[in-house]
Structure formats: C-alpha cells, structure tokens
N, C-alpha and C. Protein backbone atom coordinates (compact mmCIF):
# COMPACT_ATOMS: atom_id res chain seq x y z
N MET A 1 75.35 88.13 70.26
CA MET A 1 75.28 87.29 71.44
C MET A 1 75.59 88.14 72.67
N THR A 2 74.83 87.93 73.74
CA THR A 2 75.06 88.70 74.95
C THR A 2 76.28 88.17 75.69
N ASP A 3 76.70 88.96 76.66
CA ASP A 3 77.89 88.59 77.43
C ASP A 3 77.68 87.30 78.22
N SER A 4 76.49 87.10 78.77
CA SER A 4 76.23 85.87 79.54
C SER A 4 76.19 84.65 78.63
N GLN A 5 75.69 84.80 77.40
CA GLN A 5 75.69 83.68 76.46
C GLN A 5 77.10 83.32 76.04
N THR A 6 77.92 84.33 75.83
CA THR A 6 79.32 84.10 75.47
C THR A 6 80.04 83.36 76.59
N THR A 7 79.79 83.75 77.82
CA THR A 7 80.40 83.09 78.97
C THR A 7 79.95 81.64 79.05
N ALA A 8 78.66 81.38 78.81
CA ALA A 8 78.14 80.02 78.87
C ALA A 8 78.75 79.15 77.77
N VAL A 9 78.90 79.70 76.58
CA VAL A 9 79.49 78.95 75.48
C VAL A 9 80.96 78.64 75.78
N ASP A 10 81.67 79.62 76.32
CA ASP A 10 83.08 79.41 76.69
C ASP A 10 83.21 78.32 77.76
N ALA A 11 82.32 78.35 78.75
CA ALA A 11 82.36 77.34 79.81
C ALA A 11 82.07 75.95 79.25
N GLN A 12 81.10 75.86 78.35
CA GLN A 12 80.77 74.57 77.74
C GLN A 12 81.94 74.04 76.91
N GLN A 13 82.57 74.89 76.15
CA GLN A 13 83.70 74.45 75.34
C GLN A 13 84.89 74.04 76.21
N SER A 14 85.09 74.72 77.33
CA SER A 14 86.14 74.33 78.26
C SER A 14 85.85 72.95 78.84
N PHE A 15 84.59 72.71 79.18
CA PHE A 15 84.19 71.40 79.70
C PHE A 15 84.47 70.31 78.68
N PHE A 16 84.10 70.56 77.41
CA PHE A 16 84.31 69.55 76.38
C PHE A 16 85.79 69.31 76.12
N ARG A 17 86.60 70.35 76.15
CA ARG A 17 88.04 70.16 75.97
C ARG A 17 88.61 69.26 77.06
N LEU A 18 88.15 69.46 78.28
CA LEU A 18 88.62 68.65 79.40
C LEU A 18 88.10 67.22 79.30
N THR A 19 86.81 67.06 79.06
CA THR A 19 86.22 65.72 79.08
C THR A 19 86.50 64.92 77.82
N ASP A 20 86.89 65.56 76.73
CA ASP A 20 87.23 64.81 75.52
C ASP A 20 88.44 63.91 75.76
N THR A 21 89.27 64.26 76.71
CA THR A 21 90.46 63.45 77.00
C THR A 21 90.14 62.28 77.93
N ILE A 22 88.94 62.28 78.51
CA ILE A 22 88.54 61.22 79.45
C ILE A 22 87.62 60.24 78.72
N PRO A 23 87.94 58.96 78.71
CA PRO A 23 87.05 57.98 78.08
C PRO A 23 85.67 57.98 78.75
N GLU A 24 84.64 57.79 77.94
CA GLU A 24 83.26 57.88 78.45
C GLU A 24 82.99 56.89 79.58
N GLU A 25 83.57 55.69 79.47
CA GLU A 25 83.33 54.67 80.48
C GLU A 25 83.87 55.10 81.85
N THR A 26 84.83 55.98 81.88
CA THR A 26 85.43 56.43 83.14
C THR A 26 84.38 57.05 84.05
N TRP A 27 83.46 57.82 83.46
CA TRP A 27 82.41 58.46 84.28
C TRP A 27 81.55 57.41 84.97
N TYR A 28 81.21 56.35 84.24
CA TYR A 28 80.35 55.31 84.80
C TYR A 28 81.09 54.47 85.84
N TRP A 29 82.36 54.18 85.60
CA TRP A 29 83.15 53.45 86.59
C TRP A 29 83.38 54.29 87.83
N ALA A 30 83.50 55.60 87.66
CA ALA A 30 83.65 56.49 88.82
C ALA A 30 82.38 56.44 89.68
N ALA A 31 81.22 56.38 89.04
CA ALA A 31 79.97 56.28 89.78
C ALA A 31 79.88 54.96 90.54
N VAL A 32 80.24 53.86 89.87
CA VAL A 32 80.21 52.55 90.53
C VAL A 32 81.21 52.52 91.69
N GLY A 33 82.39 53.07 91.47
CA GLY A 33 83.40 53.13 92.53
C GLY A 33 82.94 53.94 93.71
N SER A 34 82.27 55.04 93.43
CA SER A 34 81.77 55.89 94.51
C SER A 34 80.70 55.17 95.33
N ILE A 35 79.86 54.39 94.67
CA ILE A 35 78.86 53.59 95.39
C ILE A 35 79.54 52.56 96.27
N ALA A 36 80.56 51.90 95.74
CA ALA A 36 81.29 50.90 96.52
C ALA A 36 81.99 51.53 97.72
N ILE A 37 82.60 52.67 97.51
CA ILE A 37 83.26 53.37 98.63
C ILE A 37 82.25 53.78 99.68
N SER A 38 81.10 54.27 99.23
CA SER A 38 80.05 54.67 100.16
C SER A 38 79.56 53.48 100.99
N ALA A 39 79.35 52.34 100.34
CA ALA A 39 78.90 51.14 101.06
C ALA A 39 79.95 50.67 102.06
N THR A 40 81.21 50.73 101.64
CA THR A 40 82.30 50.32 102.54
C THR A 40 82.36 51.23 103.76
N LEU A 41 82.23 52.53 103.53
CA LEU A 41 82.26 53.47 104.65
C LEU A 41 81.07 53.26 105.58
N LYS A 42 79.91 52.95 105.02
CA LYS A 42 78.73 52.69 105.84
C LYS A 42 78.95 51.46 106.72
N LEU A 43 79.52 50.41 106.12
CA LEU A 43 79.79 49.20 106.90
C LEU A 43 80.85 49.44 107.97
N ALA A 44 81.74 50.39 107.73
CA ALA A 44 82.79 50.72 108.70
C ALA A 44 82.28 51.66 109.79
N GLY A 45 81.01 52.06 109.69
CA GLY A 45 80.42 52.91 110.72
C GLY A 45 80.69 54.40 110.54
N LYS A 46 81.22 54.79 109.40
CA LYS A 46 81.49 56.20 109.13
C LYS A 46 80.34 56.76 108.31
N ASP A 47 79.21 56.99 108.98
CA ASP A 47 77.98 57.36 108.30
C ASP A 47 78.07 58.69 107.56
N ASP A 48 78.69 59.70 108.17
CA ASP A 48 78.77 61.01 107.51
C ASP A 48 79.59 60.93 106.22
N TRP A 49 80.71 60.21 106.25
CA TRP A 49 81.53 60.06 105.05
C TRP A 49 80.82 59.20 104.01
N ALA A 50 80.04 58.23 104.46
CA ALA A 50 79.29 57.38 103.54
C ALA A 50 78.25 58.19 102.78
N ILE A 51 77.58 59.09 103.48
CA ILE A 51 76.60 59.96 102.83
C ILE A 51 77.29 60.87 101.82
N PHE A 52 78.43 61.43 102.22
CA PHE A 52 79.18 62.29 101.31
C PHE A 52 79.58 61.53 100.05
N GLY A 53 80.12 60.34 100.20
CA GLY A 53 80.51 59.53 99.04
C GLY A 53 79.32 59.09 98.21
N GLY A 54 78.20 58.87 98.86
CA GLY A 54 77.00 58.44 98.17
C GLY A 54 76.34 59.53 97.34
N GLN A 55 76.75 60.76 97.53
CA GLN A 55 76.18 61.86 96.75
C GLN A 55 76.92 62.08 95.43
N TRP A 56 78.04 61.44 95.21
CA TRP A 56 78.82 61.64 94.00
C TRP A 56 78.35 60.85 92.79
N PRO A 57 77.79 59.65 92.90
CA PRO A 57 77.41 58.90 91.69
C PRO A 57 76.49 59.67 90.74
N PRO A 58 75.47 60.36 91.22
CA PRO A 58 74.64 61.10 90.25
C PRO A 58 75.43 62.17 89.49
N THR A 59 76.40 62.76 90.15
CA THR A 59 77.22 63.77 89.49
C THR A 59 78.04 63.15 88.37
N PHE A 60 78.69 62.02 88.65
CA PHE A 60 79.47 61.35 87.62
C PHE A 60 78.59 60.89 86.47
N LEU A 61 77.41 60.35 86.78
CA LEU A 61 76.50 59.90 85.73
C LEU A 61 76.00 61.06 84.88
N LEU A 62 75.73 62.19 85.51
CA LEU A 62 75.29 63.36 84.75
C LEU A 62 76.39 63.90 83.85
N PHE A 63 77.64 63.90 84.33
CA PHE A 63 78.75 64.31 83.47
C PHE A 63 78.84 63.41 82.25
N GLY A 64 78.75 62.10 82.46
CA GLY A 64 78.81 61.17 81.34
C GLY A 64 77.64 61.34 80.38
N LEU A 65 76.44 61.50 80.92
CA LEU A 65 75.26 61.68 80.08
C LEU A 65 75.30 63.00 79.33
N TYR A 66 75.69 64.05 80.00
CA TYR A 66 75.79 65.37 79.39
C TYR A 66 76.78 65.34 78.23
N HIS A 67 77.90 64.71 78.46
CA HIS A 67 78.92 64.63 77.42
C HIS A 67 78.43 63.79 76.25
N ARG A 68 77.72 62.70 76.53
CA ARG A 68 77.23 61.82 75.46
C ARG A 68 76.15 62.51 74.63
N LEU A 69 75.25 63.24 75.27
CA LEU A 69 74.15 63.87 74.54
C LEU A 69 74.59 65.08 73.74
N LEU A 70 75.47 65.89 74.30
CA LEU A 70 75.84 67.12 73.63
C LEU A 70 77.10 67.03 72.80
N GLN A 71 77.89 66.01 73.00
CA GLN A 71 79.13 65.84 72.26
C GLN A 71 79.27 64.36 71.89
N PRO A 72 78.40 63.87 71.01
CA PRO A 72 78.47 62.45 70.68
C PRO A 72 79.80 62.08 70.02
N SER A 73 80.20 60.84 70.23
CA SER A 73 81.46 60.37 69.66
C SER A 73 81.31 60.24 68.14
N PRO A 74 82.41 60.36 67.42
CA PRO A 74 82.35 60.28 65.96
C PRO A 74 82.03 58.89 65.43
N SER A 75 82.13 57.86 66.27
CA SER A 75 81.87 56.49 65.79
C SER A 75 80.39 56.17 65.74
C-alpha cells in the first residue's frame, strides 16, 4: 500500500472511531436544526449568517449517509 493510501485509511478509521460514538439520528437532527436556525436568522434580517447556517445541512446529511453506507450498524 502506498503512503497516500495508508493516510486515507487512517483518516477513515479515525472518522469511524469518532462517529461510532454519535447516534446516527444526531446527524439528521443536526441538519434539521441547522435549517431551522437558518430560517430564523433570515427572518431576523441577518442574511449573511442565514446563508452560512444554510450551508451546513448537506454536510450533516453527508456525514450521516457516509457513515451509514460504509459502516452499517450491526442490527
């Protein structure tokens, strides 16, 4: 295995060690919460912060999906 492949495998295993302690539903609730925060900020007239908050849901959803596809639960 090359050095870059070893680094990628180490990074993936570090991610799984971290995310194994987080319940899967947390990623989805974080996405919903981020959408709610973004909407609230938009209604409060803080457009720049609303855009920033609105960019987080896809990240949370991808973390949850990535974890589900590559590290399925034992149940």
